[in-house]
Structure formats: structure tokens, C-alpha cells
């Protein structure tokens, strides 16, 4: 039963992974913004933060697995 639950949860996460994209670029501002050329709005950078969270999550998960098997041996 536990394996079915884990598989279902993983499948659900993979289905919703497309919702995690960052914001699309904003439309160009109108004339009179004081700068040369079309200026687009800023986007939210998510590159470095995502990598840090993935590394921390993998470390935490690895630690939990290590202690699980260590306790199982004792």
C-alpha cells in the first residue's frame, strides 16, 4: 500500500510540473517612459534559488535514508 501511495504522489507531482514556470514577460510599456527603445517589465529570476533548494532537499533526503538504514541494521 505504501508503494502505491508513493507512486501516486510522484505521478501527481510530475503531472503538475508544468505549472512551475516563472512569469511570462510583461508587455512593453507605452511611449513616454523616458528611455530609448522598448523597455519590457522585469521578470522574477528563479535559477539560483531553485538549484540551492534542490541541493538542500537532496542532502536532507540522503541524510534521512542514511539514518533509516543505519537504524535498521541495529
N, C-alpha and C. Protein backbone atom coordinates (compact mmCIF):
# COMPACT_ATOMS: atom_id res chain seq x y z
N UNK A 1 0.82 -1.19 0.00
CA UNK A 1 0.00 0.00 0.00
C UNK A 1 0.87 1.26 0.00
N UNK A 2 1.97 1.19 0.75
CA UNK A 2 2.83 2.36 0.83
C UNK A 2 3.48 2.67 -0.52
N UNK A 3 3.85 1.61 -1.26
CA UNK A 3 4.46 1.82 -2.57
C UNK A 3 3.48 2.45 -3.55
N UNK A 4 2.22 2.06 -3.47
CA UNK A 4 1.19 2.64 -4.34
C UNK A 4 1.00 4.12 -4.01
N UNK A 5 1.02 4.45 -2.74
CA UNK A 5 0.85 5.84 -2.31
C UNK A 5 2.03 6.70 -2.78
N UNK A 6 3.23 6.18 -2.65
CA UNK A 6 4.41 6.92 -3.08
C UNK A 6 4.40 7.09 -4.60
N UNK A 7 4.04 6.04 -5.34
CA UNK A 7 3.96 6.13 -6.79
C UNK A 7 2.91 7.16 -7.21
N UNK A 8 1.76 7.15 -6.56
CA UNK A 8 0.69 8.09 -6.90
C UNK A 8 1.12 9.53 -6.64
N UNK A 9 1.78 9.75 -5.53
CA UNK A 9 2.24 11.09 -5.19
C UNK A 9 3.28 11.58 -6.19
N UNK A 10 4.22 10.71 -6.57
CA UNK A 10 5.23 11.08 -7.54
C UNK A 10 4.61 11.37 -8.90
N UNK A 11 3.67 10.56 -9.33
CA UNK A 11 3.00 10.79 -10.61
C UNK A 11 2.24 12.12 -10.59
N UNK A 12 1.61 12.43 -9.48
CA UNK A 12 0.88 13.68 -9.35
C UNK A 12 1.83 14.87 -9.45
N UNK A 13 2.99 14.78 -8.81
CA UNK A 13 3.96 15.86 -8.89
C UNK A 13 4.47 16.04 -10.32
N UNK A 14 4.70 14.95 -11.02
CA UNK A 14 5.18 15.05 -12.40
C UNK A 14 4.13 15.64 -13.33
N UNK A 15 2.87 15.40 -13.05
CA UNK A 15 1.82 15.97 -13.89
C UNK A 15 1.72 17.48 -13.72
N UNK A 16 1.99 17.97 -12.52
CA UNK A 16 1.84 19.40 -12.25
C UNK A 16 3.13 20.18 -12.38
N UNK A 17 4.18 19.56 -12.91
CA UNK A 17 5.46 20.24 -13.02
C UNK A 17 5.40 21.40 -14.01
N UNK A 18 4.51 21.36 -14.97
CA UNK A 18 4.43 22.44 -15.95
C UNK A 18 3.89 23.73 -15.34
N UNK A 19 3.26 23.67 -14.20
CA UNK A 19 2.75 24.87 -13.55
C UNK A 19 3.85 25.68 -12.86
N UNK A 20 5.04 25.14 -12.77
CA UNK A 20 6.12 25.79 -12.04
C UNK A 20 6.94 26.76 -12.85
N UNK A 21 6.54 27.10 -14.05
CA UNK A 21 7.30 28.05 -14.85
C UNK A 21 7.19 29.45 -14.26
N UNK A 22 8.22 30.26 -14.51
CA UNK A 22 8.18 31.63 -14.00
C UNK A 22 7.21 32.48 -14.82
N UNK A 23 7.09 33.71 -14.45
CA UNK A 23 6.13 34.61 -15.09
C UNK A 23 6.53 34.90 -16.53
N UNK A 24 5.54 35.06 -17.42
CA UNK A 24 5.88 35.48 -18.79
C UNK A 24 6.29 36.95 -18.79
N UNK A 25 7.01 37.41 -19.81
CA UNK A 25 7.41 38.82 -19.85
C UNK A 25 6.19 39.73 -19.96
N UNK A 26 6.30 40.86 -19.35
CA UNK A 26 5.19 41.82 -19.39
C UNK A 26 5.20 42.54 -20.73
N UNK A 27 4.05 43.06 -21.13
CA UNK A 27 4.00 43.78 -22.41
C UNK A 27 4.84 45.05 -22.34
N UNK A 28 5.35 45.51 -23.48
CA UNK A 28 6.16 46.73 -23.48
C UNK A 28 5.36 47.92 -22.97
N UNK A 29 6.06 48.80 -22.27
CA UNK A 29 5.37 49.98 -21.75
C UNK A 29 5.11 50.96 -22.89
N UNK A 30 4.19 51.85 -22.66
CA UNK A 30 3.80 52.81 -23.69
C UNK A 30 4.88 53.86 -23.92
N UNK A 31 4.63 54.73 -24.88
CA UNK A 31 5.59 55.79 -25.20
C UNK A 31 5.67 56.75 -24.02
N UNK A 32 6.79 57.42 -23.90
CA UNK A 32 6.95 58.41 -22.85
C UNK A 32 7.52 57.84 -21.57
N UNK A 33 8.19 56.71 -21.64
CA UNK A 33 8.75 56.14 -20.43
C UNK A 33 10.13 56.70 -20.12
N UNK A 34 10.67 57.53 -20.99
CA UNK A 34 11.92 58.22 -20.71
C UNK A 34 13.17 57.46 -21.10
N UNK A 35 13.06 56.27 -21.65
CA UNK A 35 14.23 55.50 -22.07
C UNK A 35 14.15 55.26 -23.57
N UNK A 36 15.29 54.96 -24.16
CA UNK A 36 15.30 54.70 -25.60
C UNK A 36 14.89 53.27 -25.88
N UNK A 37 14.15 53.06 -26.92
CA UNK A 37 13.73 51.72 -27.31
C UNK A 37 12.60 51.20 -26.42
N UNK A 38 12.10 50.03 -26.77
CA UNK A 38 11.05 49.41 -25.98
C UNK A 38 11.64 48.79 -24.72
N UNK A 39 11.07 49.12 -23.62
CA UNK A 39 11.52 48.58 -22.34
C UNK A 39 10.45 47.60 -21.84
N UNK A 40 10.85 46.37 -21.59
CA UNK A 40 9.90 45.39 -21.06
C UNK A 40 10.02 45.35 -19.54
N UNK A 41 8.98 44.88 -18.93
CA UNK A 41 8.98 44.75 -17.47
C UNK A 41 9.94 43.67 -17.01
N UNK A 42 10.30 43.71 -15.76
CA UNK A 42 11.24 42.73 -15.22
C UNK A 42 10.55 41.41 -14.91
N UNK A 43 11.31 40.34 -14.99
CA UNK A 43 10.82 39.02 -14.64
C UNK A 43 11.47 38.57 -13.34
N UNK A 44 10.89 37.59 -12.72
CA UNK A 44 11.43 37.07 -11.48
C UNK A 44 12.50 36.02 -11.79
N UNK A 45 13.77 36.26 -11.45
CA UNK A 45 14.80 35.25 -11.69
C UNK A 45 14.67 34.13 -10.66
N UNK A 46 14.62 32.88 -11.11
CA UNK A 46 14.45 31.77 -10.18
C UNK A 46 15.54 30.73 -10.32
N UNK A 47 16.57 30.98 -11.13
CA UNK A 47 17.59 29.98 -11.43
C UNK A 47 18.39 29.54 -10.22
N UNK A 48 19.08 30.46 -9.55
CA UNK A 48 19.98 30.09 -8.46
C UNK A 48 19.21 29.57 -7.25
N UNK A 49 18.08 30.15 -6.96
CA UNK A 49 17.29 29.69 -5.81
C UNK A 49 16.79 28.27 -5.97
N UNK A 50 16.41 27.92 -7.18
CA UNK A 50 15.94 26.56 -7.45
C UNK A 50 17.05 25.54 -7.25
N UNK A 51 18.24 25.86 -7.73
CA UNK A 51 19.37 24.95 -7.58
C UNK A 51 19.72 24.76 -6.11
N UNK A 52 19.73 25.84 -5.35
CA UNK A 52 20.03 25.74 -3.92
C UNK A 52 19.00 24.88 -3.21
N UNK A 53 17.72 25.08 -3.51
CA UNK A 53 16.68 24.27 -2.87
C UNK A 53 16.78 22.80 -3.26
N UNK A 54 17.12 22.50 -4.52
CA UNK A 54 17.30 21.11 -4.93
C UNK A 54 18.46 20.44 -4.21
N UNK A 55 19.57 21.16 -4.05
CA UNK A 55 20.72 20.60 -3.35
C UNK A 55 20.39 20.36 -1.88
N UNK A 56 19.74 21.31 -1.25
CA UNK A 56 19.37 21.14 0.15
C UNK A 56 18.37 20.00 0.34
N UNK A 57 17.43 19.87 -0.57
CA UNK A 57 16.45 18.78 -0.48
C UNK A 57 17.10 17.42 -0.68
N UNK A 58 18.03 17.33 -1.62
CA UNK A 58 18.74 16.06 -1.84
C UNK A 58 19.60 15.70 -0.64
N UNK A 59 20.23 16.69 -0.04
CA UNK A 59 21.05 16.44 1.16
C UNK A 59 20.18 15.96 2.30
N UNK A 60 19.06 16.61 2.52
CA UNK A 60 18.15 16.23 3.59
C UNK A 60 17.60 14.82 3.36
N UNK A 61 17.19 14.53 2.13
CA UNK A 61 16.68 13.20 1.81
C UNK A 61 17.74 12.12 1.97
N UNK A 62 18.97 12.41 1.55
CA UNK A 62 20.05 11.46 1.72
C UNK A 62 20.35 11.18 3.18
N UNK A 63 20.29 12.20 3.99
CA UNK A 63 20.52 12.04 5.43
C UNK A 63 19.44 11.17 6.06
N UNK A 64 18.20 11.41 5.66
CA UNK A 64 17.09 10.61 6.20
C UNK A 64 17.23 9.14 5.80
N UNK A 65 17.60 8.88 4.55
CA UNK A 65 17.78 7.50 4.08
C UNK A 65 18.94 6.84 4.82
N UNK A 66 20.03 7.58 4.99
CA UNK A 66 21.20 7.04 5.69
C UNK A 66 20.83 6.61 7.11
N UNK A 67 20.16 7.49 7.85
CA UNK A 67 19.79 7.15 9.23
C UNK A 67 18.72 6.05 9.28
N UNK A 68 17.88 5.98 8.28
CA UNK A 68 16.87 4.90 8.24
C UNK A 68 17.55 3.53 8.14
N UNK A 69 18.50 3.42 7.21
CA UNK A 69 19.18 2.14 7.04
C UNK A 69 20.16 1.85 8.18
N UNK A 70 20.71 2.89 8.76
CA UNK A 70 21.61 2.70 9.91
C UNK A 70 20.84 2.15 11.11
N UNK A 71 19.64 2.69 11.35
CA UNK A 71 18.80 2.20 12.45
C UNK A 71 18.26 0.82 12.16
N UNK A 72 18.03 0.51 10.90
CA UNK A 72 17.51 -0.80 10.53
C UNK A 72 18.54 -1.90 10.77
N UNK A 73 19.83 -1.60 10.61
CA UNK A 73 20.88 -2.56 10.84
C UNK A 73 21.05 -2.88 12.33
N UNK A 74 20.83 -1.90 13.18
CA UNK A 74 21.00 -2.11 14.63
C UNK A 74 19.95 -2.92 15.24
